Amino acid sequence: MVDESFRHARVDFEAHQRIDLENECRTMLDATRKILAQGAHGVDAAGLAAIEAAIAEVRARSSRRRASQAAEGGLRPVRRRDACRSPAT
């Protein structure tokens, strides 16, 4: 029973780490887009294209991972507005 408890605790911990990482990535991507919307800040066209490509890749990988986990029954799909809503709202 104790071994089973540790296994569940480890799975829960790893799930929370993945969720925290995904939230941090989303925050960084949103901040990057906001800064770029205010101006390119001296970044040339090639640099902007590289940033946009990196953003698209991160978003695509995140979407594929969530879809894969939902298909396996591990997570239910979460709408973005629900995932980003603060507990007070």
Foldseek 3Di string as FASTA:
>chain_A
DVVVVVVVVVVVVVVVVVLVVLVVLVVVLVVVVVVVVVHVVPQDPVRVVVNVVVSVVSVVVVVVVVVVCVVVVNDPDDDPVVSPDDPVD
